């Protein structure tokens, strides 16, 4: 009796299960985007991420810092920084300082 040819579903290649939910195979603590969201919400420390995800989260930290710097005055920027979760605040604060210094040196 001839064997049937096995066909791989497109769901397994796309990283999604048949029900449309993201597959976490290979990511024991959730997908990278889920881990980044947890860090940005302050529910997970950035130090708990692997090196690849730590590298990817730098973009999110940069965008958060730019959003803070786009606020109109110093008091609103300070208030915004104070409302950040404690686990992510130092990373965003240092990025704000870095961008501030870079912009200040570009003006002169």
C-alpha atoms as a PDB file:
ATOM      1  CA  UNK A   1       0.000   0.000   0.000  1.00  0.00           C
ATOM      2  CA  UNK A   2       1.526   3.365  -0.984  1.00  0.00           C
ATOM      3  CA  UNK A   3       2.247   5.892   1.752  1.00  0.00           C
ATOM      4  CA  UNK A   4       0.414   9.166   1.783  1.00  0.00           C
ATOM      5  CA  UNK A   5       2.537  12.210   1.348  1.00  0.00           C
ATOM      6  CA  UNK A   6       2.678  14.257   4.544  1.00  0.00           C
ATOM      7  CA  UNK A   7       1.749  17.863   4.085  1.00  0.00           C
ATOM      8  CA  UNK A   8       2.901  20.411   6.610  1.00  0.00           C
ATOM      9  CA  UNK A   9       0.274  22.936   7.432  1.00  0.00           C
ATOM     10  CA  UNK A  10       1.068  26.586   6.965  1.00  0.00           C
ATOM     11  CA  UNK A  11       0.119  27.101  10.605  1.00  0.00           C
ATOM     12  CA  UNK A  12       3.159  25.217  11.845  1.00  0.00           C
ATOM     13  CA  UNK A  13       5.465  27.193   9.572  1.00  0.00           C
ATOM     14  CA  UNK A  14       4.045  30.568  10.561  1.00  0.00           C
ATOM     15  CA  UNK A  15       4.581  29.998  14.276  1.00  0.00           C
ATOM     16  CA  UNK A  16       0.871  29.851  15.008  1.00  0.00           C
ATOM     17  CA  UNK A  17      -1.288  26.992  16.144  1.00  0.00           C
ATOM     18  CA  UNK A  18      -4.316  25.898  14.156  1.00  0.00           C
ATOM     19  CA  UNK A  19      -6.571  27.995  16.355  1.00  0.00           C
ATOM     20  CA  UNK A  20      -4.663  31.154  15.473  1.00  0.00           C
ATOM     21  CA  UNK A  21      -2.921  31.559  18.817  1.00  0.00           C
ATOM     22  CA  UNK A  22       0.821  32.291  18.784  1.00  0.00           C
ATOM     23  CA  UNK A  23       2.987  29.265  19.340  1.00  0.00           C
ATOM     24  CA  UNK A  24       5.459  29.506  22.210  1.00  0.00           C
ATOM     25  CA  UNK A  25       7.458  26.465  21.201  1.00  0.00           C
ATOM     26  CA  UNK A  26      11.076  27.283  21.929  1.00  0.00           C
ATOM     27  CA  UNK A  27      10.144  30.179  24.237  1.00  0.00           C
ATOM     28  CA  UNK A  28       9.503  28.679  27.671  1.00  0.00           C
ATOM     29  CA  UNK A  29       8.465  31.977  29.230  1.00  0.00           C
ATOM     30  CA  UNK A  30       6.370  33.291  26.318  1.00  0.00           C
ATOM     31  CA  UNK A  31       7.097  34.906  22.999  1.00  0.00           C
ATOM     32  CA  UNK A  32       9.611  37.764  22.806  1.00  0.00           C
ATOM     33  CA  UNK A  33       6.879  40.344  22.244  1.00  0.00           C
ATOM     34  CA  UNK A  34       4.989  39.077  25.294  1.00  0.00           C
ATOM     35  CA  UNK A  35       8.152  39.303  27.385  1.00  0.00           C
ATOM     36  CA  UNK A  36       8.822  42.857  26.169  1.00  0.00           C
ATOM     37  CA  UNK A  37       5.276  43.891  27.100  1.00  0.00           C
ATOM     38  CA  UNK A  38       5.747  42.430  30.591  1.00  0.00           C
ATOM     39  CA  UNK A  39       8.990  44.377  31.047  1.00  0.00           C
ATOM     40  CA  UNK A  40       7.463  47.641  29.828  1.00  0.00           C
ATOM     41  CA  UNK A  41       4.543  47.165  32.245  1.00  0.00           C
ATOM     42  CA  UNK A  42       7.006  46.576  35.099  1.00  0.00           C
ATOM     43  CA  UNK A  43       5.925  42.987  35.675  1.00  0.00           C
ATOM     44  CA  UNK A  44       9.310  41.515  34.749  1.00  0.00           C
ATOM     45  CA  UNK A  45      12.881  42.760  35.182  1.00  0.00           C
ATOM     46  CA  UNK A  46      14.906  43.494  32.057  1.00  0.00           C
ATOM     47  CA  UNK A  47      17.766  41.492  33.562  1.00  0.00           C
ATOM     48  CA  UNK A  48      15.607  38.331  33.341  1.00  0.00           C
ATOM     49  CA  UNK A  49      15.507  38.473  29.527  1.00  0.00           C
ATOM     50  CA  UNK A  50      17.930  36.705  27.247  1.00  0.00           C
ATOM     51  CA  UNK A  51      20.449  38.778  25.294  1.00  0.00           C
ATOM     52  CA  UNK A  52      18.451  38.865  22.056  1.00  0.00           C
ATOM     53  CA  UNK A  53      15.299  40.184  23.677  1.00  0.00           C
ATOM     54  CA  UNK A  54      17.307  42.674  25.761  1.00  0.00           C
ATOM     55  CA  UNK A  55      18.699  43.998  22.514  1.00  0.00           C
ATOM     56  CA  UNK A  56      15.224  44.262  20.961  1.00  0.00           C
ATOM     57  CA  UNK A  57      13.753  46.070  23.960  1.00  0.00           C
ATOM     58  CA  UNK A  58      16.230  48.930  23.488  1.00  0.00           C
ATOM     59  CA  UNK A  59      13.990  50.223  20.676  1.00  0.00           C
ATOM     60  CA  UNK A  60      10.961  50.293  22.997  1.00  0.00           C
ATOM     61  CA  UNK A  61      13.015  52.119  25.635  1.00  0.00           C
ATOM     62  CA  UNK A  62      14.171  54.630  22.999  1.00  0.00           C
ATOM     63  CA  UNK A  63      10.588  55.304  21.871  1.00  0.00           C
ATOM     64  CA  UNK A  64       9.443  55.755  25.474  1.00  0.00           C
ATOM     65  CA  UNK A  65      12.292  58.211  26.100  1.00  0.00           C
ATOM     66  CA  UNK A  66      11.464  60.170  22.936  1.00  0.00           C
ATOM     67  CA  UNK A  67       7.799  60.359  23.970  1.00  0.00           C
ATOM     68  CA  UNK A  68       8.834  61.792  27.331  1.00  0.00           C
ATOM     69  CA  UNK A  69      11.149  64.332  25.717  1.00  0.00           C
ATOM     70  CA  UNK A  70       8.352  65.435  23.377  1.00  0.00           C
ATOM     71  CA  UNK A  71       6.306  66.655  26.359  1.00  0.00           C
ATOM     72  CA  UNK A  72       6.070  70.462  26.494  1.00  0.00           C
ATOM     73  CA  UNK A  73       7.627  71.334  29.847  1.00  0.00           C
ATOM     74  CA  UNK A  74       9.990  70.023  32.496  1.00  0.00           C
ATOM     75  CA  UNK A  75       7.298  69.346  35.114  1.00  0.00           C
ATOM     76  CA  UNK A  76       5.262  67.151  32.782  1.00  0.00           C
ATOM     77  CA  UNK A  77       8.406  65.237  31.781  1.00  0.00           C
ATOM     78  CA  UNK A  78       9.310  64.734  35.435  1.00  0.00           C
ATOM     79  CA  UNK A  79       5.775  63.605  36.289  1.00  0.00           C
ATOM     80  CA  UNK A  80       5.803  61.180  33.379  1.00  0.00           C
ATOM     81  CA  UNK A  81       9.101  59.673  34.536  1.00  0.00           C
ATOM     82  CA  UNK A  82       7.752  59.269  38.072  1.00  0.00           C
ATOM     83  CA  UNK A  83       4.748  57.280  36.843  1.00  0.00           C
ATOM     84  CA  UNK A  84       6.917  54.636  35.150  1.00  0.00           C
ATOM     85  CA  UNK A  85       7.191  51.199  36.778  1.00  0.00           C
ATOM     86  CA  UNK A  86      10.225  50.924  39.078  1.00  0.00           C
ATOM     87  CA  UNK A  87      11.813  48.037  37.145  1.00  0.00           C
ATOM     88  CA  UNK A  88      11.995  49.904  33.832  1.00  0.00           C
ATOM     89  CA  UNK A  89      12.358  53.509  35.073  1.00  0.00           C
ATOM     90  CA  UNK A  90      16.191  53.574  35.391  1.00  0.00           C
ATOM     91  CA  UNK A  91      16.605  52.299  31.839  1.00  0.00           C
ATOM     92  CA  UNK A  92      14.254  54.911  30.384  1.00  0.00           C
ATOM     93  CA  UNK A  93      15.752  57.688  32.528  1.00  0.00           C
ATOM     94  CA  UNK A  94      19.261  56.921  31.302  1.00  0.00           C
ATOM     95  CA  UNK A  95      18.010  56.876  27.704  1.00  0.00           C
ATOM     96  CA  UNK A  96      16.283  60.247  28.238  1.00  0.00           C
ATOM     97  CA  UNK A  97      19.573  61.695  29.520  1.00  0.00           C
ATOM     98  CA  UNK A  98      21.496  60.221  26.588  1.00  0.00           C
ATOM     99  CA  UNK A  99      19.078  61.638  24.010  1.00  0.00           C
ATOM    100  CA  UNK A 100      18.901  65.002  25.838  1.00  0.00           C
ATOM    101  CA  UNK A 101      22.707  65.342  25.792  1.00  0.00           C
ATOM    102  CA  UNK A 102      22.847  64.319  22.144  1.00  0.00           C
ATOM    103  CA  UNK A 103      20.205  66.876  21.143  1.00  0.00           C
ATOM    104  CA  UNK A 104      21.866  69.572  23.257  1.00  0.00           C
ATOM    105  CA  UNK A 105      25.249  68.997  21.595  1.00  0.00           C
ATOM    106  CA  UNK A 106      23.628  69.105  18.128  1.00  0.00           C
ATOM    107  CA  UNK A 107      22.227  72.584  18.845  1.00  0.00           C
ATOM    108  CA  UNK A 108      25.649  74.107  19.542  1.00  0.00           C
END
